[in-house]
């Protein structure tokens, strides 16, 4: 079984795959991090990128955090905001620091056609 690599070591192919996978899920509006309206939106995009790059789901993340799918779903939809403790736990689940977690949205340049 293949081991998971930290985000900082993901290849460009994995990032392109993550962008393509996210673009196929309409409720998410993919945009450049500089265009983000809030930290909440930046966190949601970054978490989706980490999930897609690892080919995992919100269910996996909820299980890893010992939380319900409902709990993660409410935060990913923006109904409830992530707090600093949530981001710490999520970063730990991915094996990265909080700044590395949130920088995923900055590290990926989304083509204009995908961002629209």
PDB file of N, CA and C in Angstrom:
ATOM      1  N   UNK A   1       0.837  -1.179   0.000  1.00  0.00           N
ATOM      2  CA  UNK A   1       0.000   0.000   0.000  1.00  0.00           C
ATOM      3  C   UNK A   1       0.883   1.243   0.000  1.00  0.00           C
ATOM      4  N   UNK A   2       0.509   2.204  -0.796  1.00  0.00           N
ATOM      5  CA  UNK A   2       1.280   3.425  -0.953  1.00  0.00           C
ATOM      6  C   UNK A   2       1.078   4.336   0.245  1.00  0.00           C
ATOM      7  N   UNK A   3       2.161   4.971   0.729  1.00  0.00           N
ATOM      8  CA  UNK A   3       2.049   5.879   1.869  1.00  0.00           C
ATOM      9  C   UNK A   3       1.661   7.263   1.396  1.00  0.00           C
ATOM     10  N   UNK A   4       0.994   8.002   2.261  1.00  0.00           N
ATOM     11  CA  UNK A   4       0.576   9.361   1.954  1.00  0.00           C
ATOM     12  C   UNK A   4       1.769  10.290   2.101  1.00  0.00           C
ATOM     13  N   UNK A   5       1.966  11.194   1.134  1.00  0.00           N
ATOM     14  CA  UNK A   5       3.039  12.166   1.198  1.00  0.00           C
ATOM     15  C   UNK A   5       2.496  13.470   1.754  1.00  0.00           C
ATOM     16  N   UNK A   6       3.326  14.199   2.527  1.00  0.00           N
ATOM     17  CA  UNK A   6       2.881  15.512   2.987  1.00  0.00           C
ATOM     18  C   UNK A   6       2.617  16.424   1.803  1.00  0.00           C
ATOM     19  N   UNK A   7       1.770  17.401   2.013  1.00  0.00           N
ATOM     20  CA  UNK A   7       1.363  18.306   0.935  1.00  0.00           C
ATOM     21  C   UNK A   7       2.556  18.962   0.261  1.00  0.00           C
ATOM     22  N   UNK A   8       3.561  19.346   1.017  1.00  0.00           N
ATOM     23  CA  UNK A   8       4.698  20.047   0.444  1.00  0.00           C
ATOM     24  C   UNK A   8       5.482  19.175  -0.537  1.00  0.00           C
ATOM     25  N   UNK A   9       5.265  17.860  -0.511  1.00  0.00           N
ATOM     26  CA  UNK A   9       5.987  16.964  -1.398  1.00  0.00           C
ATOM     27  C   UNK A   9       5.110  16.401  -2.509  1.00  0.00           C
ATOM     28  N   UNK A  10       3.865  16.850  -2.607  1.00  0.00           N
ATOM     29  CA  UNK A  10       2.991  16.348  -3.655  1.00  0.00           C
ATOM     30  C   UNK A  10       3.493  16.801  -5.012  1.00  0.00           C
ATOM     31  N   UNK A  11       3.419  15.921  -5.984  1.00  0.00           N
ATOM     32  CA  UNK A  11       3.840  16.261  -7.327  1.00  0.00           C
ATOM     33  C   UNK A  11       2.823  17.127  -8.034  1.00  0.00           C
ATOM     34  N   UNK A  12       3.255  17.767  -9.099  1.00  0.00           N
ATOM     35  CA  UNK A  12       2.373  18.639  -9.875  1.00  0.00           C
ATOM     36  C   UNK A  12       1.182  17.878 -10.434  1.00  0.00           C
ATOM     37  N   UNK A  13       1.370  16.604 -10.754  1.00  0.00           N
ATOM     38  CA  UNK A  13       0.263  15.796 -11.278  1.00  0.00           C
ATOM     39  C   UNK A  13      -0.844  15.640 -10.233  1.00  0.00           C
ATOM     40  N   UNK A  14      -0.469  15.444  -8.996  1.00  0.00           N
ATOM     41  CA  UNK A  14      -1.464  15.299  -7.932  1.00  0.00           C
ATOM     42  C   UNK A  14      -2.242  16.593  -7.749  1.00  0.00           C
ATOM     43  N   UNK A  15      -1.559  17.727  -7.848  1.00  0.00           N
ATOM     44  CA  UNK A  15      -2.222  19.016  -7.717  1.00  0.00           C
ATOM     45  C   UNK A  15      -3.175  19.241  -8.885  1.00  0.00           C
ATOM     46  N   UNK A  16      -2.731  18.929 -10.115  1.00  0.00           N
ATOM     47  CA  UNK A  16      -3.616  19.078 -11.275  1.00  0.00           C
ATOM     48  C   UNK A  16      -4.841  18.175 -11.133  1.00  0.00           C
ATOM     49  N   UNK A  17      -4.621  16.954 -10.640  1.00  0.00           N
ATOM     50  CA  UNK A  17      -5.733  16.037 -10.421  1.00  0.00           C
ATOM     51  C   UNK A  17      -6.702  16.628  -9.402  1.00  0.00           C
ATOM     52  N   UNK A  18      -6.165  17.215  -8.341  1.00  0.00           N
ATOM     53  CA  UNK A  18      -7.002  17.808  -7.300  1.00  0.00           C
ATOM     54  C   UNK A  18      -7.844  18.947  -7.864  1.00  0.00           C
ATOM     55  N   UNK A  19      -7.237  19.786  -8.697  1.00  0.00           N
ATOM     56  CA  UNK A  19      -7.978  20.902  -9.294  1.00  0.00           C
ATOM     57  C   UNK A  19      -9.096  20.369 -10.179  1.00  0.00           C
ATOM     58  N   UNK A  20      -8.777  19.379 -11.010  1.00  0.00           N
ATOM     59  CA  UNK A  20      -9.787  18.813 -11.908  1.00  0.00           C
ATOM     60  C   UNK A  20     -10.917  18.177 -11.117  1.00  0.00           C
ATOM     61  N   UNK A  21     -10.578  17.458 -10.052  1.00  0.00           N
ATOM     62  CA  UNK A  21     -11.594  16.793  -9.237  1.00  0.00           C
ATOM     63  C   UNK A  21     -12.508  17.809  -8.568  1.00  0.00           C
ATOM     64  N   UNK A  22     -11.929  18.893  -8.059  1.00  0.00           N
ATOM     65  CA  UNK A  22     -12.721  19.928  -7.409  1.00  0.00           C
ATOM     66  C   UNK A  22     -13.621  20.628  -8.418  1.00  0.00           C
ATOM     67  N   UNK A  23     -13.110  20.870  -9.617  1.00  0.00           N
ATOM     68  CA  UNK A  23     -13.888  21.564 -10.646  1.00  0.00           C
ATOM     69  C   UNK A  23     -15.149  20.793 -11.025  1.00  0.00           C
ATOM     70  N   UNK A  24     -15.170  19.481 -10.785  1.00  0.00           N
ATOM     71  CA  UNK A  24     -16.319  18.658 -11.128  1.00  0.00           C
ATOM     72  C   UNK A  24     -17.421  18.691 -10.077  1.00  0.00           C
ATOM     73  N   UNK A  25     -17.174  19.313  -8.938  1.00  0.00           N
ATOM     74  CA  UNK A  25     -18.157  19.369  -7.858  1.00  0.00           C
ATOM     75  C   UNK A  25     -18.721  20.780  -7.773  1.00  0.00           C
ATOM     76  N   UNK A  26     -19.819  21.063  -8.458  1.00  0.00           N
ATOM     77  CA  UNK A  26     -20.361  22.409  -8.620  1.00  0.00           C
ATOM     78  C   UNK A  26     -20.596  23.265  -7.385  1.00  0.00           C
ATOM     79  N   UNK A  27     -21.009  22.757  -6.208  1.00  0.00           N
ATOM     80  CA  UNK A  27     -21.281  23.695  -5.122  1.00  0.00           C
ATOM     81  C   UNK A  27     -20.067  24.527  -4.723  1.00  0.00           C
ATOM     82  N   UNK A  28     -18.882  24.015  -5.007  1.00  0.00           N
ATOM     83  CA  UNK A  28     -17.664  24.720  -4.646  1.00  0.00           C
ATOM     84  C   UNK A  28     -17.304  25.710  -5.740  1.00  0.00           C
ATOM     85  N   UNK A  29     -17.104  26.964  -5.375  1.00  0.00           N
ATOM     86  CA  UNK A  29     -16.642  27.968  -6.331  1.00  0.00           C
ATOM     87  C   UNK A  29     -15.135  28.085  -6.152  1.00  0.00           C
ATOM     88  N   UNK A  30     -14.379  27.533  -7.103  1.00  0.00           N
ATOM     89  CA  UNK A  30     -12.926  27.556  -7.019  1.00  0.00           C
ATOM     90  C   UNK A  30     -12.436  28.922  -7.465  1.00  0.00           C
ATOM     91  N   UNK A  31     -11.545  29.506  -6.678  1.00  0.00           N
ATOM     92  CA  UNK A  31     -11.001  30.805  -7.037  1.00  0.00           C
ATOM     93  C   UNK A  31      -9.592  30.924  -6.495  1.00  0.00           C
ATOM     94  N   UNK A  32      -8.901  31.966  -6.917  1.00  0.00           N
ATOM     95  CA  UNK A  32      -7.561  32.223  -6.416  1.00  0.00           C
ATOM     96  C   UNK A  32      -7.659  32.652  -4.958  1.00  0.00           C
ATOM     97  N   UNK A  33      -6.636  32.305  -4.190  1.00  0.00           N
ATOM     98  CA  UNK A  33      -6.659  32.650  -2.771  1.00  0.00           C
ATOM     99  C   UNK A  33      -6.752  34.162  -2.571  1.00  0.00           C
ATOM    100  N   UNK A  34      -6.142  34.944  -3.480  1.00  0.00           N
ATOM    101  CA  UNK A  34      -6.190  36.399  -3.342  1.00  0.00           C
ATOM    102  C   UNK A  34      -7.603  36.947  -3.529  1.00  0.00           C
ATOM    103  N   UNK A  35      -8.486  36.166  -4.167  1.00  0.00           N
ATOM    104  CA  UNK A  35      -9.873  36.577  -4.371  1.00  0.00           C
ATOM    105  C   UNK A  35     -10.807  36.084  -3.275  1.00  0.00           C
ATOM    106  N   UNK A  36     -10.291  35.359  -2.315  1.00  0.00           N
ATOM    107  CA  UNK A  36     -11.119  34.769  -1.263  1.00  0.00           C
ATOM    108  C   UNK A  36     -11.763  35.861  -0.431  1.00  0.00           C
ATOM    109  N   UNK A  37     -13.008  35.642  -0.050  1.00  0.00           N
ATOM    110  CA  UNK A  37     -13.722  36.614   0.756  1.00  0.00           C
ATOM    111  C   UNK A  37     -13.430  36.442   2.238  1.00  0.00           C
ATOM    112  N   UNK A  38     -12.993  35.272   2.647  1.00  0.00           N
ATOM    113  CA  UNK A  38     -12.804  35.053   4.076  1.00  0.00           C
ATOM    114  C   UNK A  38     -11.816  33.935   4.348  1.00  0.00           C
ATOM    115  N   UNK A  39     -11.363  33.888   5.577  1.00  0.00           N
ATOM    116  CA  UNK A  39     -10.507  32.795   6.017  1.00  0.00           C
ATOM    117  C   UNK A  39     -11.278  31.484   5.945  1.00  0.00           C
ATOM    118  N   UNK A  40     -12.571  31.538   6.236  1.00  0.00           N
ATOM    119  CA  UNK A  40     -13.418  30.340   6.172  1.00  0.00           C
ATOM    120  C   UNK A  40     -13.379  29.742   4.769  1.00  0.00           C
ATOM    121  N   UNK A  41     -13.550  30.578   3.763  1.00  0.00           N
ATOM    122  CA  UNK A  41     -13.533  30.096   2.384  1.00  0.00           C
ATOM    123  C   UNK A  41     -12.158  29.554   2.013  1.00  0.00           C
ATOM    124  N   UNK A  42     -11.099  30.229   2.459  1.00  0.00           N
ATOM    125  CA  UNK A  42      -9.737  29.767   2.195  1.00  0.00           C
ATOM    126  C   UNK A  42      -9.513  28.403   2.841  1.00  0.00           C
ATOM    127  N   UNK A  43      -9.979  28.243   4.074  1.00  0.00           N
ATOM    128  CA  UNK A  43      -9.818  26.964   4.774  1.00  0.00           C
ATOM    129  C   UNK A  43     -10.583  25.859   4.059  1.00  0.00           C
ATOM    130  N   UNK A  44     -11.794  26.147   3.622  1.00  0.00           N
ATOM    131  CA  UNK A  44     -12.605  25.144   2.931  1.00  0.00           C
ATOM    132  C   UNK A  44     -11.943  24.698   1.634  1.00  0.00           C
ATOM    133  N   UNK A  45     -11.448  25.657   0.844  1.00  0.00           N
ATOM    134  CA  UNK A  45     -10.778  25.314  -0.416  1.00  0.00           C
ATOM    135  C   UNK A  45      -9.515  24.503  -0.134  1.00  0.00           C
ATOM    136  N   UNK A  46      -8.736  24.926   0.853  1.00  0.00           N
ATOM    137  CA  UNK A  46      -7.497  24.213   1.183  1.00  0.00           C
ATOM    138  C   UNK A  46      -7.789  22.781   1.634  1.00  0.00           C
ATOM    139  N   UNK A  47      -8.811  22.604   2.452  1.00  0.00           N
ATOM    140  CA  UNK A  47      -9.162  21.263   2.930  1.00  0.00           C
ATOM    141  C   UNK A  47      -9.633  20.401   1.770  1.00  0.00           C
ATOM    142  N   UNK A  48     -10.440  20.972   0.876  1.00  0.00           N
ATOM    143  CA  UNK A  48     -10.883  20.211  -0.304  1.00  0.00           C
ATOM    144  C   UNK A  48      -9.689  19.798  -1.164  1.00  0.00           C
ATOM    145  N   UNK A  49      -8.705  20.694  -1.317  1.00  0.00           N
ATOM    146  CA  UNK A  49      -7.511  20.347  -2.086  1.00  0.00           C
ATOM    147  C   UNK A  49      -6.737  19.206  -1.436  1.00  0.00           C
ATOM    148  N   UNK A  50      -6.584  19.270  -0.119  1.00  0.00           N
ATOM    149  CA  UNK A  50      -5.882  18.193   0.592  1.00  0.00           C
ATOM    150  C   UNK A  50      -6.638  16.868   0.454  1.00  0.00           C
ATOM    151  N   UNK A  51      -7.945  16.910   0.584  1.00  0.00           N
ATOM    152  CA  UNK A  51      -8.742  15.689   0.433  1.00  0.00           C
ATOM    153  C   UNK A  51      -8.608  15.124  -0.981  1.00  0.00           C
ATOM    154  N   UNK A  52      -8.728  15.984  -1.982  1.00  0.00           N
ATOM    155  CA  UNK A  52      -8.665  15.534  -3.379  1.00  0.00           C
ATOM    156  C   UNK A  52      -7.275  15.008  -3.730  1.00  0.00           C
ATOM    157  N   UNK A  53      -6.232  15.690  -3.253  1.00  0.00           N
ATOM    158  CA  UNK A  53      -4.867  15.259  -3.550  1.00  0.00           C
ATOM    159  C   UNK A  53      -4.570  13.883  -2.960  1.00  0.00           C
ATOM    160  N   UNK A  54      -5.247  13.554  -1.871  1.00  0.00           N
ATOM    161  CA  UNK A  54      -5.052  12.247  -1.225  1.00  0.00           C
ATOM    162  C   UNK A  54      -6.128  11.232  -1.638  1.00  0.00           C
ATOM    163  N   UNK A  55      -7.031  11.682  -2.524  1.00  0.00           N
ATOM    164  CA  UNK A  55      -8.136  10.843  -2.984  1.00  0.00           C
ATOM    165  C   UNK A  55      -8.936  10.292  -1.801  1.00  0.00           C
ATOM    166  N   UNK A  56      -9.236  11.189  -0.854  1.00  0.00           N
ATOM    167  CA  UNK A  56     -10.019  10.832   0.321  1.00  0.00           C
ATOM    168  C   UNK A  56     -11.279  11.690   0.366  1.00  0.00           C
ATOM    169  N   UNK A  57     -12.116  11.425   1.338  1.00  0.00           N
ATOM    170  CA  UNK A  57     -13.418  12.080   1.420  1.00  0.00           C
ATOM    171  C   UNK A  57     -13.600  12.802   2.757  1.00  0.00           C
ATOM    172  N   UNK A  58     -14.673  13.580   2.836  1.00  0.00           N
ATOM    173  CA  UNK A  58     -15.030  14.215   4.104  1.00  0.00           C
ATOM    174  C   UNK A  58     -15.339  13.156   5.156  1.00  0.00           C
ATOM    175  N   UNK A  59     -15.867  12.033   4.737  1.00  0.00           N
ATOM    176  CA  UNK A  59     -16.151  10.934   5.673  1.00  0.00           C
ATOM    177  C   UNK A  59     -14.858  10.437   6.302  1.00  0.00           C
ATOM    178  N   UNK A  60     -13.809  10.289   5.481  1.00  0.00           N
ATOM    179  CA  UNK A  60     -12.491   9.869   5.999  1.00  0.00           C
ATOM    180  C   UNK A  60     -12.005  10.876   7.032  1.00  0.00           C
ATOM    181  N   UNK A  61     -12.115  12.172   6.688  1.00  0.00           N
ATOM    182  CA  UNK A  61     -11.642  13.216   7.592  1.00  0.00           C
ATOM    183  C   UNK A  61     -12.438  13.201   8.896  1.00  0.00           C
ATOM    184  N   UNK A  62     -13.750  13.073   8.803  1.00  0.00           N
ATOM    185  CA  UNK A  62     -14.584  13.021  10.009  1.00  0.00           C
ATOM    186  C   UNK A  62     -14.174  11.850  10.894  1.00  0.00           C
ATOM    187  N   UNK A  63     -13.943  10.702  10.290  1.00  0.00           N
ATOM    188  CA  UNK A  63     -13.519   9.515  11.049  1.00  0.00           C
ATOM    189  C   UNK A  63     -12.168   9.756  11.708  1.00  0.00           C
ATOM    190  N   UNK A  64     -11.240  10.331  10.961  1.00  0.00           N
ATOM    191  CA  UNK A  64      -9.892  10.604  11.475  1.00  0.00           C
ATOM    192  C   UNK A  64      -9.935  11.578  12.659  1.00  0.00           C
ATOM    193  N   UNK A  65     -10.896  12.502  12.623  1.00  0.00           N
ATOM    194  CA  UNK A  65     -11.028  13.500  13.685  1.00  0.00           C
ATOM    195  C   UNK A  65     -11.929  13.025  14.835  1.00  0.00           C
ATOM    196  N   UNK A  66     -12.495  11.822  14.679  1.00  0.00           N
ATOM    197  CA  UNK A  66     -13.448  11.292  15.664  1.00  0.00           C
ATOM    198  C   UNK A  66     -14.650  12.222  15.803  1.00  0.00           C
ATOM    199  N   UNK A  67     -15.101  12.716  14.653  1.00  0.00           N
ATOM    200  CA  UNK A  67     -16.268  13.590  14.588  1.00  0.00           C
ATOM    201  C   UNK A  67     -17.284  12.976  13.639  1.00  0.00           C
ATOM    202  N   UNK A  68     -18.474  13.530  13.608  1.00  0.00           N
ATOM    203  CA  UNK A  68     -19.496  13.025  12.690  1.00  0.00           C
ATOM    204  C   UNK A  68     -19.320  13.644  11.302  1.00  0.00           C
ATOM    205  N   UNK A  69     -19.870  12.985  10.306  1.00  0.00           N
ATOM    206  CA  UNK A  69     -19.870  13.519   8.940  1.00  0.00           C
ATOM    207  C   UNK A  69     -20.669  14.825   8.936  1.00  0.00           C
ATOM    208  N   UNK A  70     -21.723  14.877   9.739  1.00  0.00           N
ATOM    209  CA  UNK A  70     -22.537  16.085   9.887  1.00  0.00           C
ATOM    210  C   UNK A  70     -21.675  17.254  10.366  1.00  0.00           C
ATOM    211  N   UNK A  71     -20.797  17.002  11.337  1.00  0.00           N
ATOM    212  CA  UNK A  71     -19.918  18.034  11.900  1.00  0.00           C
ATOM    213  C   UNK A  71     -19.028  18.632  10.811  1.00  0.00           C
ATOM    214  N   UNK A  72     -18.354  17.778  10.047  1.00  0.00           N
ATOM    215  CA  UNK A  72     -17.455  18.281   8.998  1.00  0.00           C
ATOM    216  C   UNK A  72     -18.251  18.906   7.857  1.00  0.00           C
ATOM    217  N   UNK A  73     -19.390  18.326   7.521  1.00  0.00           N
ATOM    218  CA  UNK A  73     -20.216  18.860   6.442  1.00  0.00           C
ATOM    219  C   UNK A  73     -20.706  20.269   6.703  1.00  0.00           C
ATOM    220  N   UNK A  74     -21.089  20.548   7.940  1.00  0.00           N
ATOM    221  CA  UNK A  74     -21.565  21.894   8.297  1.00  0.00           C
ATOM    222  C   UNK A  74     -20.446  22.917   8.169  1.00  0.00           C
ATOM    223  N   UNK A  75     -19.227  22.515   8.482  1.00  0.00           N
ATOM    224  CA  UNK A  75     -18.096  23.431   8.359  1.00  0.00           C
ATOM    225  C   UNK A  75     -17.670  23.609   6.906  1.00  0.00           C
ATOM    226  N   UNK A  76     -17.702  22.528   6.145  1.00  0.00           N
ATOM    227  CA  UNK A  76     -17.294  22.610   4.739  1.00  0.00           C
ATOM    228  C   UNK A  76     -18.313  23.399   3.909  1.00  0.00           C
ATOM    229  N   UNK A  77     -19.561  23.405   4.330  1.00  0.00           N
ATOM    230  CA  UNK A  77     -20.592  24.161   3.600  1.00  0.00           C
ATOM    231  C   UNK A  77     -20.613  25.635   4.009  1.00  0.00           C
ATOM    232  N   UNK A  78     -19.902  25.985   5.079  1.00  0.00           N
ATOM    233  CA  UNK A  78     -19.882  27.362   5.549  1.00  0.00           C
ATOM    234  C   UNK A  78     -20.978  27.677   6.546  1.00  0.00           C
ATOM    235  N   UNK A  79     -21.789  26.689   6.876  1.00  0.00           N
ATOM    236  CA  UNK A  79     -22.869  26.887   7.845  1.00  0.00           C
ATOM    237  C   UNK A  79     -22.306  27.207   9.227  1.00  0.00           C
ATOM    238  N   UNK A  80     -21.185  26.557   9.574  1.00  0.00           N
ATOM    239  CA  UNK A  80     -20.480  26.796  10.828  1.00  0.00           C
ATOM    240  C   UNK A  80     -19.025  27.082  10.465  1.00  0.00           C
ATOM    241  N   UNK A  81     -18.425  28.073  11.107  1.00  0.00           N
ATOM    242  CA  UNK A  81     -17.033  28.432  10.814  1.00  0.00           C
ATOM    243  C   UNK A  81     -16.057  27.488  11.507  1.00  0.00           C
ATOM    244  N   UNK A  82     -14.903  27.298  10.866  1.00  0.00           N
ATOM    245  CA  UNK A  82     -13.813  26.569  11.504  1.00  0.00           C
ATOM    246  C   UNK A  82     -13.218  27.470  12.574  1.00  0.00           C
ATOM    247  N   UNK A  83     -12.899  26.911  13.741  1.00  0.00           N
ATOM    248  CA  UNK A  83     -12.157  27.690  14.727  1.00  0.00           C
ATOM    249  C   UNK A  83     -10.709  27.196  14.722  1.00  0.00           C
ATOM    250  N   UNK A  84      -9.862  27.829  15.513  1.00  0.00           N
ATOM    251  CA  UNK A  84      -8.440  27.474  15.489  1.00  0.00           C
ATOM    252  C   UNK A  84      -8.205  26.033  15.939  1.00  0.00           C
ATOM    253  N   UNK A  85      -8.998  25.544  16.887  1.00  0.00           N
ATOM    254  CA  UNK A  85      -8.850  24.151  17.319  1.00  0.00           C
ATOM    255  C   UNK A  85      -9.213  23.186  16.190  1.00  0.00           C
ATOM    256  N   UNK A  86     -10.268  23.518  15.439  1.00  0.00           N
ATOM    257  CA  UNK A  86     -10.666  22.682  14.294  1.00  0.00           C
ATOM    258  C   UNK A  86      -9.526  22.600  13.296  1.00  0.00           C
ATOM    259  N   UNK A  87      -8.940  23.762  12.962  1.00  0.00           N
ATOM    260  CA  UNK A  87      -7.862  23.792  11.977  1.00  0.00           C
ATOM    261  C   UNK A  87      -6.635  23.042  12.468  1.00  0.00           C
ATOM    262  N   UNK A  88      -6.335  23.131  13.768  1.00  0.00           N
ATOM    263  CA  UNK A  88      -5.220  22.365  14.340  1.00  0.00           C
ATOM    264  C   UNK A  88      -5.449  20.865  14.152  1.00  0.00           C
ATOM    265  N   UNK A  89      -6.657  20.407  14.479  1.00  0.00           N
ATOM    266  CA  UNK A  89      -6.979  18.979  14.363  1.00  0.00           C
ATOM    267  C   UNK A  89      -6.941  18.516  12.908  1.00  0.00           C
ATOM    268  N   UNK A  90      -7.467  19.332  12.016  1.00  0.00           N
ATOM    269  CA  UNK A  90      -7.502  18.970  10.589  1.00  0.00           C
ATOM    270  C   UNK A  90      -6.091  18.924  10.022  1.00  0.00           C
ATOM    271  N   UNK A  91      -5.273  19.912  10.366  1.00  0.00           N
ATOM    272  CA  UNK A  91      -3.881  19.923   9.903  1.00  0.00           C
ATOM    273  C   UNK A  91      -3.150  18.676  10.396  1.00  0.00           C
ATOM    274  N   UNK A  92      -3.362  18.324  11.652  1.00  0.00           N
ATOM    275  CA  UNK A  92      -2.733  17.129  12.212  1.00  0.00           C
ATOM    276  C   UNK A  92      -3.189  15.872  11.478  1.00  0.00           C
ATOM    277  N   UNK A  93      -4.459  15.802  11.126  1.00  0.00           N
ATOM    278  CA  UNK A  93      -4.981  14.642  10.386  1.00  0.00           C
ATOM    279  C   UNK A  93      -4.286  14.498   9.031  1.00  0.00           C
ATOM    280  N   UNK A  94      -3.946  15.623   8.403  1.00  0.00           N
ATOM    281  CA  UNK A  94      -3.256  15.592   7.115  1.00  0.00           C
ATOM    282  C   UNK A  94      -1.739  15.495   7.266  1.00  0.00           C
ATOM    283  N   UNK A  95      -1.239  15.634   8.483  1.00  0.00           N
ATOM    284  CA  UNK A  95       0.195  15.551   8.715  1.00  0.00           C
ATOM    285  C   UNK A  95       0.950  16.805   8.296  1.00  0.00           C
ATOM    286  N   UNK A  96       0.277  17.956   8.396  1.00  0.00           N
ATOM    287  CA  UNK A  96       0.899  19.235   8.056  1.00  0.00           C
ATOM    288  C   UNK A  96       0.617  20.237   9.170  1.00  0.00           C
ATOM    289  N   UNK A  97       1.291  21.384   9.111  1.00  0.00           N
ATOM    290  CA  UNK A  97       0.999  22.457  10.062  1.00  0.00           C
ATOM    291  C   UNK A  97      -0.196  23.259   9.543  1.00  0.00           C
ATOM    292  N   UNK A  98      -0.767  24.089  10.401  1.00  0.00           N
ATOM    293  CA  UNK A  98      -1.894  24.917   9.980  1.00  0.00           C
ATOM    294  C   UNK A  98      -1.485  25.861   8.842  1.00  0.00           C
ATOM    295  N   UNK A  99      -0.323  26.529   8.923  1.00  0.00           N
ATOM    296  CA  UNK A  99       0.066  27.374   7.788  1.00  0.00           C
ATOM    297  C   UNK A  99       0.221  26.576   6.481  1.00  0.00           C
ATOM    298  N   UNK A 100       0.760  25.367   6.565  1.00  0.00           N
ATOM    299  CA  UNK A 100       0.872  24.518   5.367  1.00  0.00           C
ATOM    300  C   UNK A 100      -0.508  24.127   4.857  1.00  0.00           C
ATOM    301  N   UNK A 101      -1.406  23.819   5.775  1.00  0.00           N
ATOM    302  CA  UNK A 101      -2.777  23.469   5.391  1.00  0.00           C
ATOM    303  C   UNK A 101      -3.415  24.614   4.610  1.00  0.00           C
ATOM    304  N   UNK A 102      -3.349  25.807   5.169  1.00  0.00           N
ATOM    305  CA  UNK A 102      -4.007  26.958   4.555  1.00  0.00           C
ATOM    306  C   UNK A 102      -3.285  27.460   3.306  1.00  0.00           C
ATOM    307  N   UNK A 103      -1.988  27.199   3.214  1.00  0.00           N
ATOM    308  CA  UNK A 103      -1.240  27.671   2.045  1.00  0.00           C
ATOM    309  C   UNK A 103      -1.544  26.844   0.797  1.00  0.00           C
ATOM    310  N   UNK A 104      -2.237  25.728   0.944  1.00  0.00           N
ATOM    311  CA  UNK A 104      -2.589  24.919  -0.232  1.00  0.00           C
ATOM    312  C   UNK A 104      -3.407  25.740  -1.212  1.00  0.00           C
ATOM    313  N   UNK A 105      -4.286  26.584  -0.717  1.00  0.00           N
ATOM    314  CA  UNK A 105      -5.107  27.424  -1.601  1.00  0.00           C
ATOM    315  C   UNK A 105      -4.252  28.453  -2.320  1.00  0.00           C
ATOM    316  N   UNK A 106      -3.182  28.945  -1.677  1.00  0.00           N
ATOM    317  CA  UNK A 106      -2.277  29.908  -2.305  1.00  0.00           C
ATOM    318  C   UNK A 106      -1.328  29.241  -3.287  1.00  0.00           C
ATOM    319  N   UNK A 107      -0.940  28.006  -2.998  1.00  0.00           N
ATOM    320  CA  UNK A 107       0.074  27.319  -3.794  1.00  0.00           C
ATOM    321  C   UNK A 107      -0.428  26.901  -5.160  1.00  0.00           C
ATOM    322  N   UNK A 108      -1.723  26.785  -5.314  1.00  0.00           N
ATOM    323  CA  UNK A 108      -2.299  26.303  -6.566  1.00  0.00           C
ATOM    324  C   UNK A 108      -2.818  27.485  -7.362  1.00  0.00           C
ATOM    325  N   UNK A 109      -2.291  27.650  -8.551  1.00  0.00           N
ATOM    326  CA  UNK A 109      -2.786  28.686  -9.458  1.00  0.00           C
ATOM    327  C   UNK A 109      -3.895  28.052 -10.280  1.00  0.00           C
ATOM    328  N   UNK A 110      -5.118  28.526 -10.073  1.00  0.00           N
ATOM    329  CA  UNK A 110      -6.288  27.976 -10.753  1.00  0.00           C
ATOM    330  C   UNK A 110      -6.481  28.703 -12.075  1.00  0.00           C
ATOM    331  N   UNK A 111      -6.541  27.987 -13.205  1.00  0.00           N
ATOM    332  CA  UNK A 111      -6.769  28.638 -14.479  1.00  0.00           C
ATOM    333  C   UNK A 111      -8.079  29.429 -14.466  1.00  0.00           C
ATOM    334  N   UNK A 112      -8.127  30.547 -15.180  1.00  0.00           N
ATOM    335  CA  UNK A 112      -9.311  31.398 -15.225  1.00  0.00           C
ATOM    336  C   UNK A 112     -10.568  30.620 -15.600  1.00  0.00           C
ATOM    337  N   UNK A 113     -10.440  29.692 -16.551  1.00  0.00           N
ATOM    338  CA  UNK A 113     -11.598  28.925 -17.023  1.00  0.00           C
ATOM    339  C   UNK A 113     -12.185  28.076 -15.905  1.00  0.00           C
ATOM    340  N   UNK A 114     -11.343  27.573 -15.020  1.00  0.00           N
ATOM    341  CA  UNK A 114     -11.817  26.740 -13.904  1.00  0.00           C
ATOM    342  C   UNK A 114     -12.382  27.614 -12.804  1.00  0.00           C
ATOM    343  N   UNK A 115     -11.772  28.772 -12.575  1.00  0.00           N
ATOM    344  CA  UNK A 115     -12.191  29.648 -11.480  1.00  0.00           C
ATOM    345  C   UNK A 115     -13.545  30.301 -11.736  1.00  0.00           C
ATOM    346  N   UNK A 116     -13.962  30.404 -12.969  1.00  0.00           N
ATOM    347  CA  UNK A 116     -15.232  31.068 -13.289  1.00  0.00           C
ATOM    348  C   UNK A 116     -16.420  30.215 -12.964  1.00  0.00           C
TER     349      UNK A 116
END
